[in-house]
């Protein structure tokens, strides 16, 4: 056996013409399924991100609202204190 004939045995044989379309079809179906899976995954990730963003935004709105209400309460209390004691001194106000 010559080295050339040994090499020819290792090389794949060409497919008959009636079977030549099958590898191309398998490749095309694989690409289509990959594209579909990628699209579905992308939609799922976007939906998850949208929900996470909405939840975070609502939480931050609630925190900001509570903080503003606390500031308003402190200002109202200070205003009431000054209203009841018009000659309030600085040291009395700090207590």
N, C-alpha and C. Protein backbone atom coordinates (compact mmCIF):
# COMPACT_ATOMS: atom_id res chain seq x y z
N UNK A 1 0.85 -1.16 0.00
CA UNK A 1 0.00 0.00 0.00
C UNK A 1 0.90 1.23 0.00
N UNK A 2 0.62 2.13 -0.90
CA UNK A 2 1.42 3.35 -1.01
C UNK A 2 0.86 4.40 -0.06
N UNK A 3 1.66 5.38 0.29
CA UNK A 3 1.17 6.44 1.17
C UNK A 3 0.00 7.20 0.57
N UNK A 4 -0.01 7.35 -0.74
CA UNK A 4 -1.12 8.05 -1.39
C UNK A 4 -2.42 7.27 -1.27
N UNK A 5 -2.36 5.95 -1.45
CA UNK A 5 -3.58 5.15 -1.33
C UNK A 5 -4.08 5.12 0.12
N UNK A 6 -3.17 5.16 1.09
CA UNK A 6 -3.57 5.21 2.51
C UNK A 6 -4.26 6.54 2.80
N UNK A 7 -3.75 7.61 2.23
CA UNK A 7 -4.36 8.92 2.42
C UNK A 7 -5.75 8.98 1.80
N UNK A 8 -5.92 8.39 0.64
CA UNK A 8 -7.23 8.38 -0.02
C UNK A 8 -8.27 7.63 0.81
N UNK A 9 -7.83 6.59 1.52
CA UNK A 9 -8.76 5.84 2.36
C UNK A 9 -9.24 6.67 3.54
N UNK A 10 -8.41 7.59 4.01
CA UNK A 10 -8.77 8.41 5.17
C UNK A 10 -9.70 9.57 4.80
N UNK A 11 -9.59 10.02 3.57
CA UNK A 11 -10.42 11.14 3.14
C UNK A 11 -11.88 10.69 2.99
N UNK A 12 -12.83 11.58 3.32
CA UNK A 12 -14.23 11.20 3.17
C UNK A 12 -14.59 11.03 1.70
N UNK A 13 -15.44 10.08 1.48
CA UNK A 13 -15.91 9.85 0.09
C UNK A 13 -17.01 10.85 -0.22
N UNK A 14 -17.09 11.30 -1.45
CA UNK A 14 -18.17 12.22 -1.80
C UNK A 14 -19.52 11.50 -1.71
N UNK A 15 -20.51 12.25 -1.27
CA UNK A 15 -21.85 11.70 -1.17
C UNK A 15 -22.46 11.53 -2.55
N UNK A 16 -23.32 10.55 -2.70
CA UNK A 16 -24.07 10.46 -3.96
C UNK A 16 -24.92 11.71 -4.14
N UNK A 17 -25.21 12.07 -5.35
CA UNK A 17 -25.92 13.32 -5.61
C UNK A 17 -27.30 13.35 -4.97
N UNK A 18 -27.93 12.20 -4.77
CA UNK A 18 -29.26 12.19 -4.14
C UNK A 18 -29.20 12.48 -2.65
N UNK A 19 -28.02 12.38 -2.02
CA UNK A 19 -27.87 12.65 -0.59
C UNK A 19 -27.12 13.95 -0.31
N UNK A 20 -26.68 14.64 -1.32
CA UNK A 20 -25.84 15.82 -1.14
C UNK A 20 -26.58 16.96 -0.46
N UNK A 21 -27.88 17.06 -0.53
CA UNK A 21 -28.63 18.16 0.06
C UNK A 21 -28.83 17.98 1.57
N UNK A 22 -28.68 16.78 2.09
CA UNK A 22 -28.98 16.52 3.51
C UNK A 22 -28.07 17.31 4.47
N UNK A 23 -26.77 17.34 4.27
CA UNK A 23 -25.94 18.14 5.20
C UNK A 23 -26.30 19.62 5.18
N UNK A 24 -26.62 20.11 4.00
CA UNK A 24 -27.01 21.52 3.89
C UNK A 24 -28.33 21.75 4.61
N UNK A 25 -29.26 20.83 4.49
CA UNK A 25 -30.54 20.96 5.18
C UNK A 25 -30.37 20.90 6.69
N UNK A 26 -29.53 19.99 7.16
CA UNK A 26 -29.28 19.89 8.60
C UNK A 26 -28.65 21.19 9.11
N UNK A 27 -27.71 21.73 8.37
CA UNK A 27 -27.07 22.98 8.75
C UNK A 27 -28.08 24.13 8.77
N UNK A 28 -28.93 24.21 7.77
CA UNK A 28 -29.93 25.28 7.70
C UNK A 28 -30.92 25.18 8.85
N UNK A 29 -31.38 23.96 9.15
CA UNK A 29 -32.31 23.77 10.27
C UNK A 29 -31.63 24.13 11.59
N UNK A 30 -30.38 23.75 11.74
CA UNK A 30 -29.63 24.09 12.96
C UNK A 30 -29.50 25.60 13.13
N UNK A 31 -29.18 26.30 12.06
CA UNK A 31 -29.09 27.76 12.13
C UNK A 31 -30.43 28.37 12.48
N UNK A 32 -31.50 27.88 11.87
CA UNK A 32 -32.84 28.42 12.15
C UNK A 32 -33.23 28.19 13.61
N UNK A 33 -32.96 27.01 14.14
CA UNK A 33 -33.29 26.73 15.54
C UNK A 33 -32.44 27.58 16.48
N UNK A 34 -31.19 27.79 16.14
CA UNK A 34 -30.34 28.64 16.96
C UNK A 34 -30.85 30.08 16.96
N UNK A 35 -31.23 30.58 15.80
CA UNK A 35 -31.78 31.94 15.73
C UNK A 35 -33.07 32.06 16.53
N UNK A 36 -33.92 31.06 16.44
CA UNK A 36 -35.18 31.08 17.20
C UNK A 36 -34.91 31.04 18.70
N UNK A 37 -34.02 30.19 19.14
CA UNK A 37 -33.69 30.10 20.57
C UNK A 37 -33.08 31.41 21.07
N UNK A 38 -32.24 32.02 20.26
CA UNK A 38 -31.63 33.30 20.64
C UNK A 38 -32.69 34.38 20.78
N UNK A 39 -33.63 34.42 19.85
CA UNK A 39 -34.70 35.42 19.89
C UNK A 39 -35.57 35.22 21.13
N UNK A 40 -35.96 34.00 21.41
CA UNK A 40 -36.81 33.72 22.58
C UNK A 40 -36.08 34.08 23.87
N UNK A 41 -34.81 33.74 23.96
CA UNK A 41 -34.02 34.08 25.14
C UNK A 41 -33.90 35.59 25.30
N UNK A 42 -33.70 36.28 24.20
CA UNK A 42 -33.60 37.74 24.24
C UNK A 42 -34.90 38.36 24.75
N UNK A 43 -36.04 37.86 24.30
CA UNK A 43 -37.33 38.37 24.78
C UNK A 43 -37.50 38.12 26.27
N UNK A 44 -37.12 36.94 26.71
CA UNK A 44 -37.25 36.61 28.14
C UNK A 44 -36.36 37.50 29.00
N UNK A 45 -35.14 37.75 28.54
CA UNK A 45 -34.21 38.60 29.30
C UNK A 45 -34.74 40.03 29.34
N UNK A 46 -35.26 40.53 28.24
CA UNK A 46 -35.82 41.88 28.22
C UNK A 46 -36.99 42.00 29.18
N UNK A 47 -37.86 41.01 29.20
CA UNK A 47 -39.01 41.04 30.12
C UNK A 47 -38.54 41.03 31.57
N UNK A 48 -37.57 40.20 31.87
CA UNK A 48 -37.04 40.14 33.24
C UNK A 48 -36.41 41.48 33.63
N UNK A 49 -35.64 42.05 32.73
CA UNK A 49 -35.00 43.34 33.01
C UNK A 49 -36.05 44.44 33.20
N UNK A 50 -37.10 44.41 32.40
CA UNK A 50 -38.16 45.41 32.51
C UNK A 50 -38.83 45.33 33.88
N UNK A 51 -39.13 44.11 34.33
CA UNK A 51 -39.77 43.92 35.64
C UNK A 51 -38.83 44.37 36.75
N UNK A 52 -37.57 44.02 36.65
CA UNK A 52 -36.58 44.41 37.67
C UNK A 52 -36.44 45.94 37.73
N UNK A 53 -36.40 46.58 36.57
CA UNK A 53 -36.29 48.04 36.53
C UNK A 53 -37.52 48.69 37.14
N UNK A 54 -38.70 48.19 36.79
CA UNK A 54 -39.94 48.75 37.31
C UNK A 54 -40.00 48.62 38.82
N UNK A 55 -39.61 47.47 39.33
CA UNK A 55 -39.61 47.23 40.77
C UNK A 55 -38.64 48.17 41.48
N UNK A 56 -37.46 48.35 40.93
CA UNK A 56 -36.47 49.24 41.52
C UNK A 56 -36.96 50.69 41.49
N UNK A 57 -37.56 51.09 40.38
CA UNK A 57 -38.08 52.46 40.26
C UNK A 57 -39.18 52.71 41.29
N UNK A 58 -40.08 51.76 41.47
CA UNK A 58 -41.15 51.92 42.46
C UNK A 58 -40.58 51.99 43.87
N UNK A 59 -39.57 51.18 44.16
CA UNK A 59 -38.94 51.21 45.47
C UNK A 59 -38.29 52.56 45.74
N UNK A 60 -37.57 53.08 44.75
CA UNK A 60 -36.91 54.38 44.93
C UNK A 60 -37.92 55.51 45.07
N UNK A 61 -39.04 55.43 44.37
CA UNK A 61 -40.09 56.43 44.53
C UNK A 61 -40.65 56.40 45.95
N UNK A 62 -40.86 55.21 46.49
CA UNK A 62 -41.38 55.08 47.85
C UNK A 62 -40.39 55.63 48.86
N UNK A 63 -39.10 55.34 48.68
CA UNK A 63 -38.07 55.85 49.59
C UNK A 63 -38.02 57.38 49.53
N UNK A 64 -38.06 57.94 48.33
CA UNK A 64 -38.02 59.39 48.18
C UNK A 64 -39.27 60.02 48.81
N UNK A 65 -40.42 59.41 48.60
CA UNK A 65 -41.67 59.92 49.16
C UNK A 65 -41.60 59.92 50.70
N UNK A 66 -41.11 58.83 51.28
CA UNK A 66 -41.00 58.74 52.74
C UNK A 66 -40.03 59.79 53.29
N UNK A 67 -38.92 59.99 52.59
CA UNK A 67 -37.94 60.98 53.04
C UNK A 67 -38.53 62.39 52.98
N UNK A 68 -39.25 62.70 51.89
CA UNK A 68 -39.87 64.02 51.79
C UNK A 68 -40.93 64.22 52.86
N UNK A 69 -41.68 63.18 53.18
CA UNK A 69 -42.69 63.27 54.24
C UNK A 69 -42.01 63.51 55.59
N UNK A 70 -40.87 62.87 55.83
CA UNK A 70 -40.14 63.09 57.08
C UNK A 70 -39.63 64.53 57.16
N UNK A 71 -39.09 65.05 56.05
CA UNK A 71 -38.63 66.44 56.04
C UNK A 71 -39.80 67.39 56.29
N UNK A 72 -40.92 67.12 55.68
CA UNK A 72 -42.11 67.97 55.86
C UNK A 72 -42.57 67.94 57.31
N UNK A 73 -42.53 66.76 57.91
CA UNK A 73 -42.93 66.64 59.32
C UNK A 73 -42.01 67.45 60.22
N UNK A 74 -40.70 67.38 59.97
CA UNK A 74 -39.74 68.14 60.77
C UNK A 74 -39.97 69.64 60.57
N UNK A 75 -40.19 70.08 59.35
CA UNK A 75 -40.44 71.50 59.10
C UNK A 75 -41.73 71.97 59.76
N UNK A 76 -42.77 71.13 59.70
CA UNK A 76 -44.03 71.48 60.36
C UNK A 76 -43.85 71.58 61.87
N UNK A 77 -43.08 70.66 62.43
CA UNK A 77 -42.83 70.70 63.88
C UNK A 77 -42.04 71.96 64.25
N UNK A 78 -41.04 72.28 63.46
CA UNK A 78 -40.28 73.51 63.72
C UNK A 78 -41.14 74.74 63.60
N UNK A 79 -41.99 74.78 62.61
CA UNK A 79 -42.91 75.89 62.43
C UNK A 79 -43.87 76.01 63.61
N UNK A 80 -44.37 74.89 64.08
CA UNK A 80 -45.29 74.91 65.23
C UNK A 80 -44.56 75.39 66.48
N UNK A 81 -43.32 74.97 66.65
CA UNK A 81 -42.54 75.40 67.82
C UNK A 81 -42.32 76.91 67.79
N UNK A 82 -41.92 77.42 66.64
CA UNK A 82 -41.71 78.87 66.51
C UNK A 82 -43.03 79.61 66.67
N UNK A 83 -44.14 79.01 66.19
CA UNK A 83 -45.45 79.65 66.33
C UNK A 83 -45.91 79.73 67.77
N UNK A 84 -45.58 78.74 68.58
CA UNK A 84 -46.02 78.76 69.97
C UNK A 84 -45.08 79.57 70.86
N UNK A 85 -43.83 79.73 70.44
CA UNK A 85 -42.84 80.49 71.23
C UNK A 85 -42.15 81.48 70.30
N UNK A 86 -42.73 82.62 70.11
CA UNK A 86 -42.15 83.59 69.17
C UNK A 86 -40.75 84.08 69.58
N UNK A 87 -40.43 84.09 70.86
CA UNK A 87 -39.11 84.57 71.31
C UNK A 87 -38.22 83.39 71.64
N UNK A 88 -38.21 82.42 70.76
CA UNK A 88 -37.40 81.21 70.94
C UNK A 88 -35.93 81.53 70.73
N UNK A 89 -35.10 81.07 71.66
CA UNK A 89 -33.67 81.31 71.51
C UNK A 89 -33.04 80.15 70.71
N UNK A 90 -31.83 80.43 70.29
CA UNK A 90 -31.11 79.42 69.50
C UNK A 90 -30.87 78.15 70.31
N UNK A 91 -30.49 78.27 71.55
CA UNK A 91 -30.23 77.08 72.38
C UNK A 91 -31.52 76.30 72.65
N UNK A 92 -32.63 77.00 72.81
CA UNK A 92 -33.91 76.31 73.01
C UNK A 92 -34.33 75.55 71.74
N UNK A 93 -34.06 76.17 70.60
CA UNK A 93 -34.43 75.52 69.34
C UNK A 93 -33.60 74.26 69.12
N UNK A 94 -32.34 74.28 69.50
CA UNK A 94 -31.48 73.11 69.31
C UNK A 94 -31.89 71.93 70.17
N UNK A 95 -32.53 72.19 71.31
CA UNK A 95 -32.96 71.09 72.16
C UNK A 95 -34.12 70.41 71.50
